Amino acid sequence: MDLGLGGRGYLLTGASRGLGFAAARALVDDGARVLVSSRTPDSVARAAEELGGAPAAFGTAADLADAAAAERLVTEAGDRLGRVDGALVSVGGPPPGTVLDASEEDWRASIDSVFLGTLRLVRALVPVLDDGAAIGLVLSTSVREPIAHLAISNGLRPGLAMTAKSLATELGPRGIRVFGLLPGRIATDRIVQMDRRSPDPDAARRASEASIPLRRYGRPEEFGRVAAFCLSPAASYLTGVMLPVDGGMLQGL
């Protein structure tokens, strides 16, 4: 299938590694151009180089907790890519902990970076997007089911999902699509770190895999291909959806 990505330009945040990088890889492989960002200059430079460098891939350091970052990222995307056809917004996960144990400072910092940082970027993007553009939010299966010891994420991700649903309604008349992706147990560094918090990481992984109908963790490239499709013109009638990429782990509809 031709996804129609040739010559299109996309901004991806949190994309120097993991799920964001996998999505950037899939986009570039199908002919799109990307600007990838993350908080660390060295890691984002390496990511852009691994993606082939200019003119296919550019990198820039940015922290969405910085109120000025959103406008700068959108401006730079337009300058580097020549056009902006959409974005995949991924923000680093909040610190682990329970509802009562997580400090108020951690809650406030996470709200500012994860929730408000995403919202600021979307607001900066919308004025430069045209009919056929798409905005994807990388969320989590915690949108539908809480994940143990990730209380802050459990609190924020569902709110972002409802925000995305509202945006899909608001932007639909302009031909701009908005969707969320709900990754489950994908074999990224973050998931490995979560398993390592267990006294027996191997046993923790086996237990997690047993709860997944496909009986394995997902591969980042599997997520990346789904993200690229959803951003592409091939998914032109897909909006307002929260799409699990979880190997069937979520049991509800």
Protein backbone atom coordinates (compact mmCIF):
# COMPACT_ATOMS: atom_id res chain seq x y z
CA MET A 1 0.00 0.00 0.00
CA ASP A 2 1.24 3.48 -0.86
CA LEU A 3 0.63 5.57 2.26
CA GLY A 4 1.00 8.83 0.36
CA LEU A 5 3.76 10.09 2.65
CA GLY A 6 6.22 11.11 -0.06
CA GLY A 7 7.35 14.72 0.38
CA ARG A 8 5.24 15.34 3.48
CA GLY A 9 6.72 16.82 6.66
CA TYR A 10 6.14 15.80 10.27
CA LEU A 11 7.24 17.01 13.68
CA LEU A 12 7.86 14.32 16.29
CA THR A 13 8.59 15.02 19.95
CA GLY A 14 10.22 12.59 22.36
CA ALA A 15 11.62 10.94 19.26
CA SER A 16 15.33 10.41 19.87
CA ARG A 17 14.63 6.79 20.84
CA GLY A 18 11.86 4.34 21.65
CA LEU A 19 8.40 4.70 20.17
CA GLY A 20 8.92 8.19 18.77
CA PHE A 21 12.08 7.16 16.96
CA ALA A 22 10.37 4.05 15.58
CA ALA A 23 7.59 6.23 14.17
CA ALA A 24 10.14 8.60 12.64
CA ARG A 25 11.92 5.62 11.07
CA ALA A 26 8.70 4.38 9.48
CA LEU A 27 7.82 7.84 8.17
CA VAL A 28 11.24 8.40 6.62
CA ASP A 29 11.31 4.92 5.11
CA ASP A 30 8.05 5.75 3.33
CA GLY A 31 9.31 9.04 1.91
CA ALA A 32 8.35 11.62 4.52
CA ARG A 33 10.69 14.21 6.02
CA VAL A 34 10.84 14.64 9.79
CA LEU A 35 12.02 16.99 12.50
CA VAL A 36 12.66 14.94 15.64
CA SER A 37 13.07 16.48 19.07
CA SER A 38 13.97 15.44 22.58
CA ARG A 39 15.46 17.12 25.61
CA THR A 40 19.07 16.04 25.04
CA PRO A 41 21.04 17.64 22.17
CA ASP A 42 23.44 14.70 21.74
CA SER A 43 20.70 12.07 21.59
CA VAL A 44 18.57 14.01 19.12
CA ALA A 45 21.59 14.63 16.89
CA ARG A 46 22.34 10.89 16.88
CA ALA A 47 18.72 10.10 16.07
CA ALA A 48 18.66 12.47 13.08
CA GLU A 49 21.90 10.96 11.80
CA GLU A 50 20.56 7.41 12.16
CA LEU A 51 17.50 8.46 10.17
CA GLY A 52 19.74 9.56 7.31
CA GLY A 53 20.22 13.22 8.13
CA ALA A 54 19.25 16.10 5.87
CA PRO A 55 17.16 16.46 3.81
CA ALA A 56 15.13 13.54 5.21
CA ALA A 57 15.66 14.09 8.94
CA PHE A 58 16.57 16.97 11.20
CA GLY A 59 16.93 17.12 14.97
CA THR A 60 16.50 19.80 17.60
CA ALA A 61 16.59 19.78 21.39
CA ALA A 62 13.43 20.91 23.18
CA ASP A 63 11.65 20.37 26.49
CA LEU A 64 7.87 20.71 26.29
CA ALA A 65 7.86 21.79 29.93
CA ASP A 66 9.41 25.04 28.62
CA ALA A 67 6.52 27.33 27.69
CA ALA A 68 8.50 28.77 24.76
CA ALA A 69 9.37 25.39 23.25
CA ALA A 70 6.13 24.81 21.33
CA GLU A 71 6.26 27.92 19.15
CA ARG A 72 9.97 27.40 18.46
CA LEU A 73 9.46 23.76 17.44
CA VAL A 74 6.64 24.59 15.03
CA THR A 75 8.61 27.46 13.47
CA GLU A 76 11.69 25.29 13.08
CA ALA A 77 9.63 22.47 11.56
CA GLY A 78 8.30 24.83 8.93
CA ASP A 79 11.75 26.21 8.19
CA ARG A 80 13.53 22.84 8.00
CA LEU A 81 10.83 20.77 6.31
CA GLY A 82 9.24 23.38 4.08
CA ARG A 83 5.79 22.18 5.09
CA VAL A 84 4.14 20.71 8.18
CA ASP A 85 1.56 18.02 7.55
CA GLY A 86 1.21 16.87 11.13
CA ALA A 87 2.88 15.79 14.33
CA LEU A 88 3.29 12.87 16.67
CA VAL A 89 3.45 14.20 20.21
CA SER A 90 5.15 12.02 22.80
CA VAL A 91 6.18 13.27 26.23
CA GLY A 92 8.36 11.35 28.67
CA GLY A 93 6.50 9.34 31.28
CA PRO A 94 5.90 10.85 34.72
CA PRO A 95 7.83 9.39 37.66
CA PRO A 96 6.45 6.14 39.09
CA GLY A 97 4.60 5.93 42.37
CA THR A 98 1.22 5.54 43.97
CA VAL A 99 -1.43 8.23 44.26
CA LEU A 100 -0.62 8.95 47.89
CA ASP A 101 3.14 8.54 47.70
CA ALA A 102 3.75 10.78 44.67
CA SER A 103 4.67 14.27 45.83
CA GLU A 104 2.64 17.33 44.92
CA GLU A 105 5.76 18.66 43.18
CA ASP A 106 5.85 15.59 40.93
CA TRP A 107 2.16 16.01 40.12
CA ARG A 108 2.63 19.68 39.24
CA ALA A 109 5.74 19.08 37.13
CA SER A 110 4.04 16.25 35.26
CA ILE A 111 0.92 18.30 34.59
CA ASP A 112 3.09 21.07 33.19
CA SER A 113 5.19 18.84 30.92
CA VAL A 114 2.88 15.97 29.99
CA PHE A 115 -0.48 17.74 29.83
CA LEU A 116 0.16 21.45 29.31
CA GLY A 117 3.26 20.81 27.22
CA THR A 118 1.19 18.73 24.81
CA LEU A 119 -1.60 21.29 24.74
CA ARG A 120 0.81 24.15 24.03
CA LEU A 121 2.31 22.28 21.11
CA VAL A 122 -1.09 21.46 19.62
CA ARG A 123 -2.15 25.11 19.92
CA ALA A 124 1.03 26.20 18.15
CA LEU A 125 0.54 23.62 15.40
CA VAL A 126 -3.07 24.23 14.48
CA PRO A 127 -2.58 27.61 12.74
CA VAL A 128 0.00 26.15 10.31
CA LEU A 129 -1.91 22.95 9.43
CA ASP A 130 -4.07 22.56 6.36
CA ASP A 131 -6.76 20.15 5.20
CA GLY A 132 -5.37 16.61 5.34
CA ALA A 133 -3.05 17.18 8.30
CA ALA A 134 -3.01 14.89 11.33
CA ILE A 135 -2.01 15.15 14.98
CA GLY A 136 -1.29 12.00 16.94
CA LEU A 137 -0.77 11.75 20.70
CA VAL A 138 1.28 8.89 22.10
CA LEU A 139 -0.63 7.96 25.26
CA SER A 140 -0.85 4.60 27.05
CA THR A 141 -3.19 1.73 27.81
CA SER A 142 -3.66 3.58 31.11
CA VAL A 143 -6.24 5.62 29.19
CA ARG A 144 -8.53 2.60 29.71
CA GLU A 145 -6.98 0.63 32.57
CA PRO A 146 -4.72 1.91 35.36
CA ILE A 147 -1.17 0.57 35.50
CA ALA A 148 0.23 -0.33 38.92
CA HIS A 149 2.66 2.20 40.42
CA LEU A 150 2.13 4.72 37.62
CA ALA A 151 -0.47 6.83 39.37
CA ILE A 152 0.45 10.17 37.79
CA SER A 153 0.35 8.71 34.30
CA ASN A 154 -2.96 7.05 35.13
CA GLY A 155 -4.32 10.45 36.09
CA LEU A 156 -3.06 12.43 33.09
CA ARG A 157 -3.32 10.12 30.08
CA PRO A 158 -7.13 9.75 30.15
CA GLY A 159 -7.45 13.54 30.32
CA LEU A 160 -5.27 13.89 27.24
CA ALA A 161 -7.36 11.25 25.46
CA MET A 162 -10.55 13.25 26.09
CA THR A 163 -8.75 16.41 24.99
CA ALA A 164 -7.83 14.65 21.74
CA LYS A 165 -11.45 13.59 21.26
CA SER A 166 -12.57 17.19 21.75
CA LEU A 167 -9.93 18.42 19.32
CA ALA A 168 -11.06 15.91 16.71
CA THR A 169 -14.53 17.46 16.88
CA GLU A 170 -13.22 21.02 16.82
CA LEU A 171 -10.75 20.51 13.97
CA GLY A 172 -12.71 18.05 11.86
CA PRO A 173 -14.48 20.77 9.84
CA ARG A 174 -11.04 22.00 8.77
CA GLY A 175 -10.02 18.54 7.59
CA ILE A 176 -7.49 18.09 10.41
CA ARG A 177 -7.52 14.69 12.08
CA VAL A 178 -6.61 13.98 15.72
CA PHE A 179 -6.06 10.56 17.25
CA GLY A 180 -4.38 8.83 20.17
CA LEU A 181 -2.22 5.72 20.25
CA LEU A 182 -2.28 3.48 23.31
CA PRO A 183 0.92 1.43 23.40
CA GLY A 184 0.96 -1.56 25.69
CA ARG A 185 4.07 -3.54 26.59
CA ILE A 186 6.44 -2.50 23.81
CA ALA A 187 10.08 -3.48 24.31
CA THR A 188 11.50 0.01 24.88
CA ASP A 189 14.02 1.18 27.47
CA ARG A 190 11.19 2.47 29.68
CA ILE A 191 9.47 -0.93 29.78
CA VAL A 192 12.76 -2.65 30.53
CA GLN A 193 13.31 -0.23 33.42
CA MET A 194 9.82 -0.96 34.74
CA ASP A 195 10.54 -4.69 34.71
CA ARG A 196 13.86 -4.13 36.47
CA ARG A 197 12.10 -2.58 39.45
CA SER A 198 10.83 -6.08 40.19
CA PRO A 199 12.96 -8.36 42.42
CA ASP A 200 13.00 -10.83 39.50
CA PRO A 201 12.90 -8.93 36.16
CA ASP A 202 12.72 -12.11 34.06
CA ALA A 203 9.77 -13.39 36.04
CA ALA A 204 8.10 -9.99 35.75
CA ARG A 205 8.46 -10.06 31.98
CA ARG A 206 7.14 -13.61 31.73
CA ALA A 207 4.11 -12.65 33.84
CA SER A 208 3.45 -9.63 31.64
CA GLU A 209 3.77 -11.68 28.47
CA ALA A 210 1.33 -14.24 29.85
CA SER A 211 -1.31 -11.48 30.08
CA ILE A 212 -0.90 -10.57 26.40
CA PRO A 213 -2.85 -12.71 23.90
CA LEU A 214 0.09 -12.65 21.47
CA ARG A 215 2.30 -13.83 24.37
CA ARG A 216 5.13 -11.38 23.71
CA TYR A 217 6.11 -7.75 24.04
CA GLY A 218 5.66 -5.62 20.97
CA ARG A 219 8.59 -4.42 18.91
CA PRO A 220 9.10 -0.65 18.52
CA GLU A 221 8.94 -0.94 14.73
CA GLU A 222 5.48 -2.51 15.03
CA PHE A 223 4.29 0.58 16.84
CA GLY A 224 6.12 2.82 14.36
CA ARG A 225 4.32 1.38 11.38
CA VAL A 226 0.92 1.92 13.02
CA ALA A 227 1.84 5.54 13.82
CA ALA A 228 3.02 6.20 10.26
CA PHE A 229 -0.20 4.79 8.82
CA CYS A 230 -2.39 6.85 11.15
CA LEU A 231 -0.51 10.05 10.24
CA SER A 232 -0.65 9.31 6.52
CA PRO A 233 -3.26 10.23 3.90
CA ALA A 234 -4.10 6.51 3.74
CA ALA A 235 -5.90 6.98 7.10
CA SER A 236 -7.87 9.99 5.86
CA TYR A 237 -11.17 8.95 7.50
CA LEU A 238 -9.67 8.05 10.87
CA THR A 239 -10.10 10.65 13.60
CA GLY A 240 -11.13 10.86 17.24
CA VAL A 241 -10.05 7.27 17.84
CA MET A 242 -7.89 5.96 20.67
CA LEU A 243 -6.13 3.01 19.07
CA PRO A 244 -4.49 0.33 21.27
CA VAL A 245 -1.19 -1.08 20.01
CA ASP A 246 -0.96 -3.73 22.71
CA GLY A 247 -1.08 -7.24 21.28
CA GLY A 248 -4.64 -7.60 22.58
CA MET A 249 -3.75 -6.89 26.23
CA LEU A 250 -6.71 -4.60 26.90
CA GLN A 251 -9.79 -6.73 27.45
CA GLY A 252 -12.47 -4.06 27.10
CA LEU A 253 -13.90 -2.82 23.81
